[in-house]
Each structure stands twice: as structure tokens, then as C-alpha cells.
Protein backbone atom coordinates (compact mmCIF):
# COMPACT_ATOMS: atom_id res chain seq x y z
CA UNK A 1 56.25 -28.31 25.60
CA UNK A 2 56.30 -26.05 28.70
CA UNK A 3 53.08 -24.42 29.95
CA UNK A 4 54.29 -21.01 28.70
CA UNK A 5 54.86 -22.39 25.20
CA UNK A 6 51.45 -24.10 25.32
CA UNK A 7 49.77 -20.85 26.38
CA UNK A 8 51.44 -18.88 23.59
CA UNK A 9 50.37 -21.54 21.09
CA UNK A 10 46.73 -21.37 22.23
CA UNK A 11 46.79 -17.54 22.03
CA UNK A 12 48.13 -17.67 18.47
CA UNK A 13 45.42 -20.13 17.43
CA UNK A 14 42.71 -17.88 18.93
CA UNK A 15 44.12 -14.83 17.15
CA UNK A 16 44.16 -16.65 13.82
CA UNK A 17 40.54 -17.80 14.27
CA UNK A 18 39.53 -14.30 15.29
CA UNK A 19 41.20 -12.72 12.28
CA UNK A 20 39.71 -15.24 9.86
CA UNK A 21 36.14 -15.05 11.21
CA UNK A 22 34.02 -12.63 9.26
CA UNK A 23 32.66 -9.57 11.02
CA UNK A 24 28.87 -9.19 10.80
CA UNK A 25 27.72 -7.48 7.60
CA UNK A 26 24.75 -5.23 7.01
CA UNK A 27 21.91 -7.15 5.33
CA UNK A 28 19.07 -5.66 3.26
CA UNK A 29 16.02 -7.73 2.24
CA UNK A 30 14.05 -6.68 -0.85
CA UNK A 31 11.64 -8.45 -3.19
CA UNK A 32 9.37 -7.47 -6.05
CA UNK A 33 9.52 -7.57 -9.84
CA UNK A 34 12.90 -8.63 -11.30
CA UNK A 35 13.66 -5.15 -12.67
CA UNK A 36 12.94 -3.60 -9.26
CA UNK A 37 15.19 -6.04 -7.43
CA UNK A 38 18.00 -5.45 -9.94
CA UNK A 39 17.62 -1.70 -9.45
CA UNK A 40 17.86 -2.08 -5.68
CA UNK A 41 21.04 -4.11 -6.10
CA UNK A 42 22.49 -1.26 -8.12
CA UNK A 43 21.54 1.30 -5.46
CA UNK A 44 23.00 -0.86 -2.69
CA UNK A 45 26.25 -1.04 -4.65
CA UNK A 46 26.35 2.75 -4.84
CA UNK A 47 25.70 2.99 -1.09
CA UNK A 48 28.62 0.66 -0.38
CA UNK A 49 30.90 2.62 -2.69
CA UNK A 50 30.07 5.97 -1.06
CA UNK A 51 29.82 4.85 2.57
CA UNK A 52 32.34 1.97 2.58
CA UNK A 53 29.67 -0.07 4.39
CA UNK A 54 29.43 -3.52 2.84
CA UNK A 55 25.86 -4.73 2.32
CA UNK A 56 24.68 -8.28 1.78
CA UNK A 57 21.66 -8.11 -0.54
CA UNK A 58 18.92 -10.62 0.34
CA UNK A 59 16.69 -11.20 -2.68
CA UNK A 60 13.11 -11.98 -1.66
CA UNK A 61 10.32 -13.50 -3.82
CA UNK A 62 7.92 -11.42 -5.89
CA UNK A 63 4.91 -12.80 -4.00
CA UNK A 64 3.94 -10.46 -1.16
CA UNK A 65 2.81 -13.19 1.26
CA UNK A 66 6.07 -15.06 0.77
CA UNK A 67 8.02 -11.87 1.40
CA UNK A 68 6.12 -11.31 4.63
CA UNK A 69 6.72 -14.84 5.84
CA UNK A 70 10.39 -14.55 4.91
CA UNK A 71 10.68 -11.63 7.35
CA UNK A 72 8.47 -12.95 10.14
CA UNK A 73 10.45 -16.18 10.61
CA UNK A 74 13.84 -14.55 11.44
CA UNK A 75 12.21 -11.72 13.40
CA UNK A 76 10.28 -14.16 15.59
CA UNK A 77 13.52 -16.03 16.20
CA UNK A 78 15.28 -12.72 17.04
CA UNK A 79 17.89 -13.32 14.35
CA UNK A 80 20.32 -10.49 13.63
CA UNK A 81 19.60 -10.65 9.89
CA UNK A 82 18.05 -9.09 7.93
CA UNK A 83 18.95 -5.70 9.36
CA UNK A 84 16.92 -3.53 6.96
CA UNK A 85 13.81 -4.50 4.99
CA UNK A 86 10.79 -3.14 3.15
CA UNK A 87 7.30 -3.77 4.59
CA UNK A 88 3.90 -3.63 2.96
CA UNK A 89 1.97 -0.86 4.69
CA UNK A 90 -0.37 -3.37 6.36
CA UNK A 91 2.51 -5.25 8.01
CA UNK A 92 3.87 -2.29 9.94
CA UNK A 93 1.37 -2.49 12.82
CA UNK A 94 2.04 -6.19 13.39
CA UNK A 95 5.81 -5.75 13.28
CA UNK A 96 5.61 -2.77 15.66
CA UNK A 97 3.25 -4.48 18.12
CA UNK A 98 5.58 -7.51 18.16
CA UNK A 99 8.42 -5.16 19.16
CA UNK A 100 10.48 -6.09 16.12
CA UNK A 101 11.27 -2.58 14.84
CA UNK A 102 14.06 -0.23 15.83
CA UNK A 103 13.21 3.43 16.38
CA UNK A 104 14.21 5.76 13.52
CA UNK A 105 14.01 8.78 15.82
CA UNK A 106 17.85 9.06 16.00
CA UNK A 107 17.90 9.95 12.29
CA UNK A 108 15.55 12.86 12.96
CA UNK A 109 17.46 13.98 16.04
CA UNK A 110 20.75 13.94 14.12
CA UNK A 111 19.29 15.96 11.25
CA UNK A 112 19.60 13.08 8.78
CA UNK A 113 15.84 13.05 8.14
CA UNK A 114 13.10 15.66 8.31
CA UNK A 115 9.66 14.11 8.76
CA UNK A 116 8.21 17.39 7.48
CA UNK A 117 9.24 16.22 4.00
CA UNK A 118 6.73 13.35 4.19
CA UNK A 119 2.92 13.24 4.22
CA UNK A 120 2.00 13.92 7.84
CA UNK A 121 -1.21 11.88 7.75
CA UNK A 122 0.65 8.81 6.45
CA UNK A 123 3.27 8.98 9.20
CA UNK A 124 0.57 9.50 11.83
CA UNK A 125 -1.56 6.60 10.62
CA UNK A 126 1.19 4.08 9.89
CA UNK A 127 4.71 4.92 11.01
CA UNK A 128 4.43 5.79 14.69
CA UNK A 129 4.13 3.39 17.61
CA UNK A 130 4.15 4.32 21.29
CA UNK A 131 5.50 7.76 20.45
CA UNK A 132 8.39 6.42 18.37
CA UNK A 133 9.01 6.69 14.64
CA UNK A 134 9.43 3.05 13.58
CA UNK A 135 9.16 3.20 9.76
CA UNK A 136 8.89 5.61 6.84
CA UNK A 137 7.37 5.32 3.36
CA UNK A 138 9.61 4.54 0.39
CA UNK A 139 6.74 4.16 -2.08
CA UNK A 140 3.16 5.43 -1.73
CA UNK A 141 0.12 3.88 -3.34
CA UNK A 142 -3.63 4.57 -3.18
CA UNK A 143 -6.92 4.13 -5.00
CA UNK A 144 -7.78 6.45 -7.91
CA UNK A 145 -10.62 7.02 -10.37
CA UNK A 146 -9.88 6.53 -14.08
CA UNK A 147 -12.37 7.85 -16.62
CA UNK A 148 -12.97 8.06 -20.37
CA UNK A 149 -12.60 11.77 -21.10
CA UNK A 150 -13.85 11.33 -24.67
CA UNK A 151 -17.17 9.88 -23.50
CA UNK A 152 -17.69 12.51 -20.82
CA UNK A 153 -17.13 15.18 -23.45
CA UNK A 154 -19.33 13.41 -26.00
CA UNK A 155 -22.31 13.28 -23.62
CA UNK A 156 -21.62 16.64 -21.94
CA UNK A 157 -20.73 15.44 -18.45
CA UNK A 158 -18.01 16.80 -16.22
CA UNK A 159 -15.59 14.62 -14.27
CA UNK A 160 -17.58 13.46 -11.21
CA UNK A 161 -16.62 14.71 -7.77
CA UNK A 162 -19.39 12.86 -5.87
CA UNK A 163 -20.63 9.28 -6.02
CA UNK A 164 -24.06 10.54 -7.04
CA UNK A 165 -22.58 12.34 -10.06
CA UNK A 166 -20.69 9.18 -11.00
CA UNK A 167 -23.84 7.04 -10.78
CA UNK A 168 -26.00 9.49 -12.76
CA UNK A 169 -23.50 9.90 -15.59
CA UNK A 170 -22.72 6.16 -15.66
CA UNK A 171 -26.39 5.19 -15.99
CA UNK A 172 -27.00 7.56 -18.91
CA UNK A 173 -23.74 6.95 -20.81
CA UNK A 174 -23.97 3.18 -20.31
CA UNK A 175 -27.43 3.10 -21.88
CA UNK A 176 -26.32 5.16 -24.89
CA UNK A 177 -23.07 3.25 -25.47
CA UNK A 178 -24.76 -0.14 -25.31
CA UNK A 179 -26.42 0.47 -28.66
CA UNK A 180 -22.90 0.10 -30.10
CA UNK A 181 -21.29 -2.09 -27.42
CA UNK A 182 -23.63 -4.41 -25.46
CA UNK A 183 -20.73 -5.29 -23.08
CA UNK A 184 -20.30 -1.70 -21.92
CA UNK A 185 -20.59 -0.86 -18.19
CA UNK A 186 -20.47 2.40 -16.28
CA UNK A 187 -18.08 1.55 -13.43
CA UNK A 188 -15.68 -1.33 -12.73
CA UNK A 189 -14.00 -1.94 -9.39
CA UNK A 190 -12.55 -4.69 -7.19
CA UNK A 191 -15.33 -6.70 -5.52
CA UNK A 192 -14.01 -10.26 -5.39
CA UNK A 193 -13.34 -11.83 -1.99
CA UNK A 194 -9.73 -10.76 -1.34
CA UNK A 195 -7.81 -7.85 0.19
CA UNK A 196 -8.70 -5.53 -2.69
CA UNK A 197 -12.36 -5.67 -1.64
CA UNK A 198 -11.44 -4.31 1.80
CA UNK A 199 -9.57 -1.45 0.09
CA UNK A 200 -12.66 -0.54 -1.96
CA UNK A 201 -14.90 -0.94 1.10
CA UNK A 202 -12.70 1.39 3.14
CA UNK A 203 -12.91 4.08 0.43
CA UNK A 204 -16.70 3.92 0.34
CA UNK A 205 -16.78 4.00 4.14
CA UNK A 206 -14.47 6.98 4.51
CA UNK A 207 -16.30 8.98 1.84
CA UNK A 208 -19.52 8.37 3.83
CA UNK A 209 -17.80 9.39 7.09
CA UNK A 210 -17.86 5.74 8.17
CA UNK A 211 -15.04 3.82 9.84
CA UNK A 212 -13.83 0.32 10.53
CA UNK A 213 -12.22 1.58 13.73
CA UNK A 214 -13.94 4.55 15.42
CA UNK A 215 -12.22 7.52 17.07
CA UNK A 216 -12.09 5.78 20.46
CA UNK A 217 -10.21 2.86 18.91
CA UNK A 218 -13.14 0.42 18.96
CA UNK A 219 -14.18 -1.61 15.93
CA UNK A 220 -17.51 -0.33 14.63
CA UNK A 221 -18.81 -2.03 11.52
CA UNK A 222 -22.57 -1.52 12.05
CA UNK A 223 -22.85 2.27 12.04
CA UNK A 224 -25.45 3.97 9.83
CA UNK A 225 -22.69 5.38 7.63
CA UNK A 226 -21.14 1.96 7.14
CA UNK A 227 -24.49 0.44 6.17
CA UNK A 228 -25.10 3.24 3.65
CA UNK A 229 -21.64 2.74 2.15
CA UNK A 230 -22.06 -1.02 1.65
CA UNK A 231 -25.54 -0.56 0.23
CA UNK A 232 -24.14 1.86 -2.35
CA UNK A 233 -21.59 -0.76 -3.41
CA UNK A 234 -24.34 -3.38 -3.72
CA UNK A 235 -26.68 -0.99 -5.56
CA UNK A 236 -24.07 -0.29 -8.22
CA UNK A 237 -24.32 -3.96 -9.20
CA UNK A 238 -27.99 -4.78 -8.59
CA UNK A 239 -30.01 -1.54 -8.57
CA UNK A 240 -28.25 0.81 -10.98
CA UNK A 241 -26.57 -2.10 -12.82
CA UNK A 242 -23.60 0.05 -13.76
CA UNK A 243 -21.13 -2.58 -12.49
CA UNK A 244 -20.98 -6.06 -14.07
CA UNK A 245 -22.51 -9.11 -12.32
CA UNK A 246 -19.08 -10.73 -11.97
CA UNK A 247 -17.86 -7.83 -9.82
CA UNK A 248 -18.14 -9.94 -6.65
CA UNK A 249 -16.83 -13.17 -8.21
CA UNK A 250 -13.95 -12.22 -10.48
CA UNK A 251 -13.06 -8.54 -10.36
CA UNK A 252 -9.54 -7.93 -9.02
CA UNK A 253 -6.99 -5.33 -10.15
CA UNK A 254 -6.01 -6.85 -13.47
CA UNK A 255 -9.52 -7.98 -14.42
CA UNK A 256 -10.74 -4.42 -13.80
CA UNK A 257 -7.84 -2.85 -15.69
CA UNK A 258 -8.28 -5.05 -18.75
CA UNK A 259 -12.04 -4.51 -18.79
CA UNK A 260 -11.55 -0.74 -18.85
CA UNK A 261 -8.61 -0.83 -21.23
CA UNK A 262 -10.52 -2.76 -23.88
CA UNK A 263 -13.03 0.09 -24.00
CA UNK A 264 -15.81 -1.59 -22.05
CA UNK A 265 -16.18 0.85 -19.14
CA UNK A 266 -16.66 4.54 -18.46
CA UNK A 267 -15.07 4.60 -14.98
CA UNK A 268 -12.52 2.40 -13.24
CA UNK A 269 -11.26 2.28 -9.66
CA UNK A 270 -7.66 1.12 -9.60
CA UNK A 271 -4.16 1.83 -8.27
CA UNK A 272 -1.64 4.21 -9.89
CA UNK A 273 0.15 1.38 -11.70
CA UNK A 274 -2.70 1.24 -14.23
CA UNK A 275 -1.89 4.73 -15.56
CA UNK A 276 1.29 3.73 -17.38
CA UNK A 277 -0.46 0.72 -18.91
CA UNK A 278 -3.55 2.66 -20.01
CA UNK A 279 -1.42 5.37 -21.63
CA UNK A 280 1.13 3.20 -23.46
CA UNK A 281 1.02 3.36 -27.27
CA UNK A 282 -0.67 -0.01 -27.77
CA UNK A 283 -3.48 0.69 -25.28
CA UNK A 284 -6.90 1.14 -26.98
CA UNK A 285 -7.69 3.99 -24.56
CA UNK A 286 -4.25 5.61 -24.49
CA UNK A 287 -5.33 9.13 -25.49
CA UNK A 288 -8.81 8.90 -24.04
CA UNK A 289 -8.16 8.26 -20.36
CA UNK A 290 -8.10 10.70 -17.46
CA UNK A 291 -7.32 10.30 -13.78
CA UNK A 292 -8.65 11.97 -10.63
CA UNK A 293 -9.31 11.40 -6.94
CA UNK A 294 -12.12 9.07 -5.94
CA UNK A 295 -15.56 10.65 -5.42
CA UNK A 296 -17.05 11.65 -2.08
CA UNK A 297 -20.57 11.95 -0.72
CA UNK A 298 -22.19 15.31 -0.05
CA UNK A 299 -21.46 14.92 3.66
CA UNK A 300 -18.07 13.21 3.34
CA UNK A 301 -14.64 13.82 1.87
CA UNK A 302 -12.54 12.25 -0.87
CA UNK A 303 -10.79 9.14 0.40
CA UNK A 304 -8.28 6.65 -0.99
CA UNK A 305 -7.04 3.49 0.68
CA UNK A 306 -3.34 3.78 1.40
CA UNK A 307 -0.95 1.21 -0.01
CA UNK A 308 2.77 1.14 -0.54
CA UNK A 309 6.03 0.01 1.02
CA UNK A 310 7.75 1.31 4.14
CA UNK A 311 11.34 0.79 5.29
CA UNK A 312 12.24 -0.43 8.75
CA UNK A 313 15.14 -1.79 10.79
CA UNK A 314 15.14 -4.94 12.89
CA UNK A 315 15.43 -4.34 16.63
CA UNK A 316 17.74 -7.38 16.70
CA UNK A 317 20.15 -5.93 14.14
CA UNK A 318 23.84 -6.26 14.96
CA UNK A 319 24.65 -3.31 12.66
CA UNK A 320 22.25 -0.66 13.92
CA UNK A 321 24.31 2.42 13.04
CA UNK A 322 25.05 1.12 9.56
CA UNK A 323 21.37 0.25 9.15
CA UNK A 324 20.37 3.79 10.06
CA UNK A 325 22.82 5.10 7.44
CA UNK A 326 21.26 2.85 4.76
CA UNK A 327 17.74 4.00 5.65
CA UNK A 328 18.83 7.65 5.42
CA UNK A 329 20.32 6.90 1.98
CA UNK A 330 17.13 5.16 0.74
CA UNK A 331 14.93 8.05 1.92
CA UNK A 332 17.18 10.83 0.61
CA UNK A 333 15.80 13.26 -1.99
CA UNK A 334 18.12 12.03 -4.74
CA UNK A 335 17.42 8.31 -4.31
CA UNK A 336 13.66 8.83 -3.98
CA UNK A 337 13.75 10.94 -7.14
CA UNK A 338 15.60 8.23 -9.04
CA UNK A 339 13.12 5.59 -7.90
CA UNK A 340 10.36 7.82 -9.26
CA UNK A 341 11.97 8.57 -12.61
CA UNK A 342 13.53 5.16 -13.28
CA UNK A 343 10.92 2.81 -11.79
CA UNK A 344 7.84 5.03 -11.84
CA UNK A 345 7.46 4.73 -8.06
CA UNK A 346 5.32 7.33 -6.31
CA UNK A 347 7.73 8.95 -3.84
CA UNK A 348 7.34 8.51 -0.12
CA UNK A 349 8.66 12.06 0.26
CA UNK A 350 6.07 14.79 -0.12
CA UNK A 351 8.58 17.43 -1.26
CA UNK A 352 9.31 15.48 -4.47
CA UNK A 353 5.77 16.12 -5.71
CA UNK A 354 6.93 19.65 -6.58
CA UNK A 355 10.05 18.49 -8.42
CA UNK A 356 10.06 19.81 -12.01
CA UNK A 357 11.62 16.70 -13.55
CA UNK A 358 9.12 14.40 -11.87
CA UNK A 359 6.18 16.58 -12.89
CA UNK A 360 7.42 16.50 -16.48
CA UNK A 361 7.82 12.72 -16.58
CA UNK A 362 4.79 11.91 -14.39
CA UNK A 363 2.02 14.38 -15.32
CA UNK A 364 -0.38 12.54 -13.00
CA UNK A 365 1.75 13.40 -9.95
CA UNK A 366 -0.42 16.31 -8.76
CA UNK A 367 -3.51 14.08 -8.74
CA UNK A 368 -1.52 11.57 -6.72
CA UNK A 369 -0.49 14.28 -4.28
CA UNK A 370 -4.15 15.21 -3.69
CA UNK A 371 -5.04 11.55 -3.24
CA UNK A 372 -2.24 10.91 -0.74
CA UNK A 373 -3.33 13.92 1.29
CA UNK A 374 -6.69 12.13 1.70
CA UNK A 375 -5.27 8.62 2.00
CA UNK A 376 -6.82 6.38 4.64
CA UNK A 377 -4.82 3.54 6.14
CA UNK A 378 -6.34 0.19 6.88
CA UNK A 379 -6.84 -0.43 10.63
CA UNK A 380 -3.54 -0.19 12.46
CA UNK A 381 -4.01 -3.54 14.21
CA UNK A 382 -1.50 -6.35 14.82
CA UNK A 383 -4.28 -8.84 13.99
CA UNK A 384 -5.43 -6.93 10.90
CA UNK A 385 -5.07 -9.95 8.58
CA UNK A 386 -7.72 -11.86 10.55
CA UNK A 387 -10.01 -8.81 10.65
CA UNK A 388 -9.61 -8.39 6.89
CA UNK A 389 -10.61 -11.99 6.18
CA UNK A 390 -13.81 -11.53 8.18
CA UNK A 391 -14.67 -8.29 6.40
CA UNK A 392 -13.95 -9.79 2.97
CA UNK A 393 -16.27 -12.73 3.61
CA UNK A 394 -19.24 -10.69 4.83
CA UNK A 395 -18.99 -7.75 2.40
CA UNK A 396 -18.70 -10.16 -0.51
CA UNK A 397 -21.80 -12.01 0.72
CA UNK A 398 -23.70 -8.69 0.77
CA UNK A 399 -22.58 -7.87 -2.78
CA UNK A 400 -23.71 -11.33 -3.90
CA UNK A 401 -27.07 -10.76 -2.11
CA UNK A 402 -26.48 -13.90 -0.05
CA UNK A 403 -26.75 -11.80 3.12
CA UNK A 404 -28.63 -8.68 4.15
CA UNK A 405 -26.42 -5.71 4.93
CA UNK A 406 -27.16 -5.05 8.58
CA UNK A 407 -27.25 -8.73 9.52
CA UNK A 408 -23.95 -9.45 7.76
CA UNK A 409 -22.20 -6.46 9.35
CA UNK A 410 -23.52 -7.52 12.77
CA UNK A 411 -22.09 -11.01 12.30
CA UNK A 412 -18.81 -9.49 11.13
CA UNK A 413 -18.71 -7.35 14.27
CA UNK A 414 -19.29 -10.40 16.49
CA UNK A 415 -16.52 -12.40 14.79
CA UNK A 416 -14.10 -9.49 14.98
CA UNK A 417 -14.87 -9.01 18.67
CA UNK A 418 -13.87 -12.62 19.30
CA UNK A 419 -10.53 -12.01 17.56
CA UNK A 420 -9.95 -8.92 19.71
CA UNK A 421 -10.75 -10.83 22.89
CA UNK A 422 -8.38 -13.67 21.96
CA UNK A 423 -5.59 -11.21 21.25
CA UNK A 424 -5.98 -9.44 24.61
CA UNK A 425 -6.33 -12.59 26.73
């Protein structure tokens, strides 16, 4: 075989290999409940059909921590996949600080997205990093106050707007109802040692004008406002006795929801998901439950801890343009509306809160809009998980009366300072 024939043979082999090798495909990672994942698969199929962009759907676990780990591993390794993924709101800061997220600013510059259609405070608190837009909300979540409207009417109380009104009405109604139901309590909320406690703590803080991170960006757990807020939480259990003794040992979202739903509480702090469960036909409180924003203090404002899921693109994506097209599709008015109507998701887009169909199907949507306008994000810190664990431990010890408030908050501050120093070394 002459050298020319050999060269032509090698070129043919290379061309065959090149033609048979698959071009990179756009990948989208999503987890959650089975019905949610199946719905996302359907939407991705529609995106492929309309855009002709093939998408590989990466099904993640339901467990949130497993979903987070499933994203961190490839991102740390700078893998090209997944290209697009959903992030819990508290992950965004870590992913941004690690320089894992692609800027979404091109979508705004090209007119594919208008950030004016989203809640400005949410974007400001969560979705911007070093002047760049690096994520946007697909689904919003926040704390709300549920109440028994029949009992408020029976005892001639209005829906509380301040914590003091809530305490006063809870004390009186609890005493009267206990003659018929000894298990009845005025107010149930999440006080066990887990992330939900930090969410409740943040709401009490913000409504007292307190902060975990002050305006200068420093962590400040021992302010007067913070001490007052934690003492109010403790007093609800031990002084006013309107919250059950197991608040700091057992009360998480579902324990609180079930306690309220069985008719054993006047007020409940929970997330929006509880509304559809409280109002279903088989719920004992289905026609007797109302919903409103969480109370404030006389000197503070209404506040609700922000939750939800935000969409982002990997900086290491090998399909960046296609990824931007998928994000624009996910955040479009029509898709966000369908997620609201078909899955009951609270839209990331603010303009959908005026949609007639959504208001008809989700009568609580205007309360949610008010709550999201006052939503407070957890500290936008790349080491937030470690800070949260410290706060959980010390706040729970205060609620259990194992520690005095000011001493526990001082110790929390010292431990957090060590984390900050380690991170900046």
C-alpha cells in the first residue's frame, strides 16, 4: 500500500469516527416529587419539538440534600453536564461564589427576558452576583400565617396584624377552647433543630428590625432587636404557653400542619403548600381556615423567609446558547402559568399574580404576592450551611431553656466569626 493510499485510508477512518461520534447534547437536571419530574419531562419534550434542540433529561432524587450533592460533584470537577439545573434558593450564593454559574444577562440584553416581570427584592437578594444576573426564580415560597376564621369570629377577634395581637387572642381563645379540647394550643410553628427553625427565627428577627447580617455585611446576632425576637419565640412556649412544649423537640412542617389540621390550634406558621391540604374536602378545617401574611411588631414590618427554586446554567456548559434558550422557555409567561395551574407552583414571575385564570384557581395568590413583596432571603453567604447549623443549635437551646438568650447568641456569634475567618484565610 503506497503512502498516498495509506493517507487516504486514515482520513476515511477519521471521517467515519467523526460522523459516528455524538455531538454534545443539552442536559437539564431536575428532581422533586414524581409528578413534578414527569411534568418537567413533558415540558422538555415540548421545548425540543418547538426549538429542535435535543435535551437529555437528568432525573434527580426527591431529597434536597442529594440533589445538591448531585450538582456540586460535576460542578467542582468542571464537567460540561448538566448544562441547566434548578437550585434551592439557599444554594445560589455558594454556586455563584464558586464561580459555577453562567451570566443570564445576555437574555435580558437580547430582549428574551425582562427582569421587571419578577419581584425586584428577590432578584436583588438572591440572583445577582458581582453585578451579573446569575439565576432567576422558577418557583417562589415563603412563610405564611394560617388561622381558624371560625374561632376568630366566635370570640370576636380580627385577623392579627401584629405579634402582640396574635399573642393576646391566642391566650384568650386557647383558654376558652380547652374546656372542650384540652389539647388545644394558640400557635404552632417550626422550632425543632433543623433549617426550618432558622426560617422562623429570620421572620421574627426581620419583624423586629433585627438581622443576621447587618447593612455593612457583618454578621450581627447579638443586637437588641435580635435578643427581643428570640425572647418572644421562647415566651410563646414558656411564658404565654400558647405553643406546645414539643415545639423545640418535634415541630417541623408536617408536624405543625397535622396539629393545626386536626383542629388543635388557632394559628399556624407554615409554607404555601399547606393551603391545598388544609382546604381539601377531607380536611377537618377545610372551610374554616384563612391565610394571611405573618405579623409584625409595632416598630417593624411584615416579613416572610424566602424559599423556592431558581434556575441557573453551568459556566462549564458546552451548549451555552441552547441552555440560554431553555432558560428563556422555562421562565416564559406561558410555561410559568402552566406550572402554576397544573402543579400549584407559586410563579417566579410577578406579572402572573394578576393573571385572571391563576386568581380564579388560586384564590390565595394575592396574599402570596404581598408576602413575596416582604420576603427576606437567608444570608447570601457561600458558607451559609455552616452558619445555619450554628444558629439552629443555639436558638434551639434557648427555646429549650438550656441556654440564656444573650449568652447563647454571643457564643453563636463567636462560632460564626471563626467560620468567616476560615473562609477568608
